[in-house]
Amino acid sequence: DSILVLKDGAVQVRSAAVISILTDLGGIWWLLGTALRILPRAIADGLYDVVASRRYRWFGHKSEACPLMSPEQRARFDA
């Protein structure tokens, strides 16, 4: 029930993962990630928990957001 990011051999979770993603996206997202970085970790993780608990109410839920590929589709990506 959380987000994980593997970056430079280290696993980042919750707010640290979101901040990493935002700063890597660049542009206005970099600015938001940089602003969030100044928050104490406990507050940032608390904010992450609030957003995570309400995200389906705010943005909806798509049941097939990440469908599995068929063997034919997977063969196109295997080298």
C-alpha atoms as a PDB file:
ATOM      1  CA  ASP A   1       0.000   0.000   0.000  1.00  0.00           C
ATOM      2  CA  SER A   2       2.901   2.311  -0.635  1.00  0.00           C
ATOM      3  CA  ILE A   3       5.139   3.523  -3.411  1.00  0.00           C
ATOM      4  CA  LEU A   4       8.705   2.287  -3.715  1.00  0.00           C
ATOM      5  CA  VAL A   5      11.466   3.729  -5.890  1.00  0.00           C
ATOM      6  CA  LEU A   6      14.804   2.021  -6.456  1.00  0.00           C
ATOM      7  CA  LYS A   7      17.371   4.695  -7.263  1.00  0.00           C
ATOM      8  CA  ASP A   8      21.141   4.351  -7.207  1.00  0.00           C
ATOM      9  CA  GLY A   9      20.840   1.040  -5.347  1.00  0.00           C
ATOM     10  CA  ALA A  10      18.758   2.528  -2.527  1.00  0.00           C
ATOM     11  CA  VAL A  11      15.058   1.946  -1.919  1.00  0.00           C
ATOM     12  CA  GLN A  12      13.010   5.047  -1.223  1.00  0.00           C
ATOM     13  CA  VAL A  13       9.483   4.768   0.211  1.00  0.00           C
ATOM     14  CA  ARG A  14       6.435   6.965   0.725  1.00  0.00           C
ATOM     15  CA  SER A  15       7.196  10.700   0.645  1.00  0.00           C
ATOM     16  CA  ALA A  16      10.880  10.192  -0.212  1.00  0.00           C
ATOM     17  CA  ALA A  17       9.851   8.186  -3.291  1.00  0.00           C
ATOM     18  CA  VAL A  18       7.373  10.848  -4.406  1.00  0.00           C
ATOM     19  CA  ILE A  19       9.935  13.621  -3.914  1.00  0.00           C
ATOM     20  CA  SER A  20      12.474  11.635  -5.945  1.00  0.00           C
ATOM     21  CA  ILE A  21       9.989  11.156  -8.787  1.00  0.00           C
ATOM     22  CA  LEU A  22       8.959  14.811  -8.785  1.00  0.00           C
ATOM     23  CA  THR A  23      12.522  16.107  -8.879  1.00  0.00           C
ATOM     24  CA  ASP A  24      13.425  13.674 -11.686  1.00  0.00           C
ATOM     25  CA  LEU A  25      10.453  14.866 -13.776  1.00  0.00           C
ATOM     26  CA  GLY A  26      11.870  18.373 -13.955  1.00  0.00           C
ATOM     27  CA  GLY A  27      10.073  21.632 -14.668  1.00  0.00           C
ATOM     28  CA  ILE A  28       7.356  22.664 -12.244  1.00  0.00           C
ATOM     29  CA  TRP A  29       7.439  19.153 -10.734  1.00  0.00           C
ATOM     30  CA  TRP A  30      11.091  19.677  -9.786  1.00  0.00           C
ATOM     31  CA  LEU A  31      10.068  22.866  -7.998  1.00  0.00           C
ATOM     32  CA  LEU A  32       7.315  21.041  -6.075  1.00  0.00           C
ATOM     33  CA  GLY A  33       9.684  18.183  -5.168  1.00  0.00           C
ATOM     34  CA  THR A  34      12.296  20.637  -3.975  1.00  0.00           C
ATOM     35  CA  ALA A  35       9.719  22.485  -1.864  1.00  0.00           C
ATOM     36  CA  LEU A  36       8.520  19.215  -0.316  1.00  0.00           C
ATOM     37  CA  ARG A  37      12.115  18.278   0.513  1.00  0.00           C
ATOM     38  CA  ILE A  38      12.282  21.033   3.146  1.00  0.00           C
ATOM     39  CA  LEU A  39       9.451  19.449   5.168  1.00  0.00           C
ATOM     40  CA  PRO A  40      10.451  17.212   8.072  1.00  0.00           C
ATOM     41  CA  ARG A  41      10.137  13.544   7.078  1.00  0.00           C
ATOM     42  CA  ALA A  42       7.340  12.863   9.599  1.00  0.00           C
ATOM     43  CA  ILE A  43       5.211  15.689   8.186  1.00  0.00           C
ATOM     44  CA  ALA A  44       5.929  14.704   4.571  1.00  0.00           C
ATOM     45  CA  ASP A  45       5.012  11.066   5.306  1.00  0.00           C
ATOM     46  CA  GLY A  46       1.836  12.245   7.073  1.00  0.00           C
ATOM     47  CA  LEU A  47       0.894  14.289   4.011  1.00  0.00           C
ATOM     48  CA  TYR A  48       1.637  11.263   1.822  1.00  0.00           C
ATOM     49  CA  ASP A  49      -0.703   9.138   3.978  1.00  0.00           C
ATOM     50  CA  VAL A  50      -3.521  11.705   3.681  1.00  0.00           C
ATOM     51  CA  VAL A  51      -3.237  11.845  -0.109  1.00  0.00           C
ATOM     52  CA  ALA A  52      -2.866   8.054  -0.402  1.00  0.00           C
ATOM     53  CA  SER A  53      -5.987   7.415   1.678  1.00  0.00           C
ATOM     54  CA  ARG A  54      -8.083   9.782  -0.457  1.00  0.00           C
ATOM     55  CA  ARG A  55      -6.632   9.323  -3.943  1.00  0.00           C
ATOM     56  CA  TYR A  56      -9.425   7.073  -5.249  1.00  0.00           C
ATOM     57  CA  ARG A  57     -12.076   9.536  -4.076  1.00  0.00           C
ATOM     58  CA  TRP A  58     -10.254  12.420  -5.721  1.00  0.00           C
ATOM     59  CA  PHE A  59      -9.037  10.795  -8.930  1.00  0.00           C
ATOM     60  CA  GLY A  60     -11.186   7.666  -9.305  1.00  0.00           C
ATOM     61  CA  HIS A  61     -10.087   4.074  -9.611  1.00  0.00           C
ATOM     62  CA  LYS A  62      -9.441   2.306 -12.875  1.00  0.00           C
ATOM     63  CA  SER A  63      -9.565  -1.447 -12.380  1.00  0.00           C
ATOM     64  CA  GLU A  64      -7.280  -2.169 -15.329  1.00  0.00           C
ATOM     65  CA  ALA A  65      -4.713   0.578 -14.885  1.00  0.00           C
ATOM     66  CA  CYS A  66      -1.852  -1.927 -15.208  1.00  0.00           C
ATOM     67  CA  PRO A  67      -3.084  -4.924 -17.217  1.00  0.00           C
ATOM     68  CA  LEU A  68      -0.816  -7.923 -17.681  1.00  0.00           C
ATOM     69  CA  MET A  69       0.626  -8.416 -21.130  1.00  0.00           C
ATOM     70  CA  SER A  70      -0.329 -11.407 -23.202  1.00  0.00           C
ATOM     71  CA  PRO A  71       2.486 -13.801 -24.197  1.00  0.00           C
ATOM     72  CA  GLU A  72       2.378 -12.318 -27.724  1.00  0.00           C
ATOM     73  CA  GLN A  73       2.813  -8.782 -26.386  1.00  0.00           C
ATOM     74  CA  ARG A  74       5.589  -9.843 -23.993  1.00  0.00           C
ATOM     75  CA  ALA A  75       7.487 -11.501 -26.889  1.00  0.00           C
ATOM     76  CA  ARG A  76       7.721  -8.099 -28.590  1.00  0.00           C
ATOM     77  CA  PHE A  77       9.737  -6.738 -25.640  1.00  0.00           C
ATOM     78  CA  ASP A  78      11.948  -9.765 -24.907  1.00  0.00           C
ATOM     79  CA  ALA A  79      15.264  -9.563 -26.684  1.00  0.00           C
END
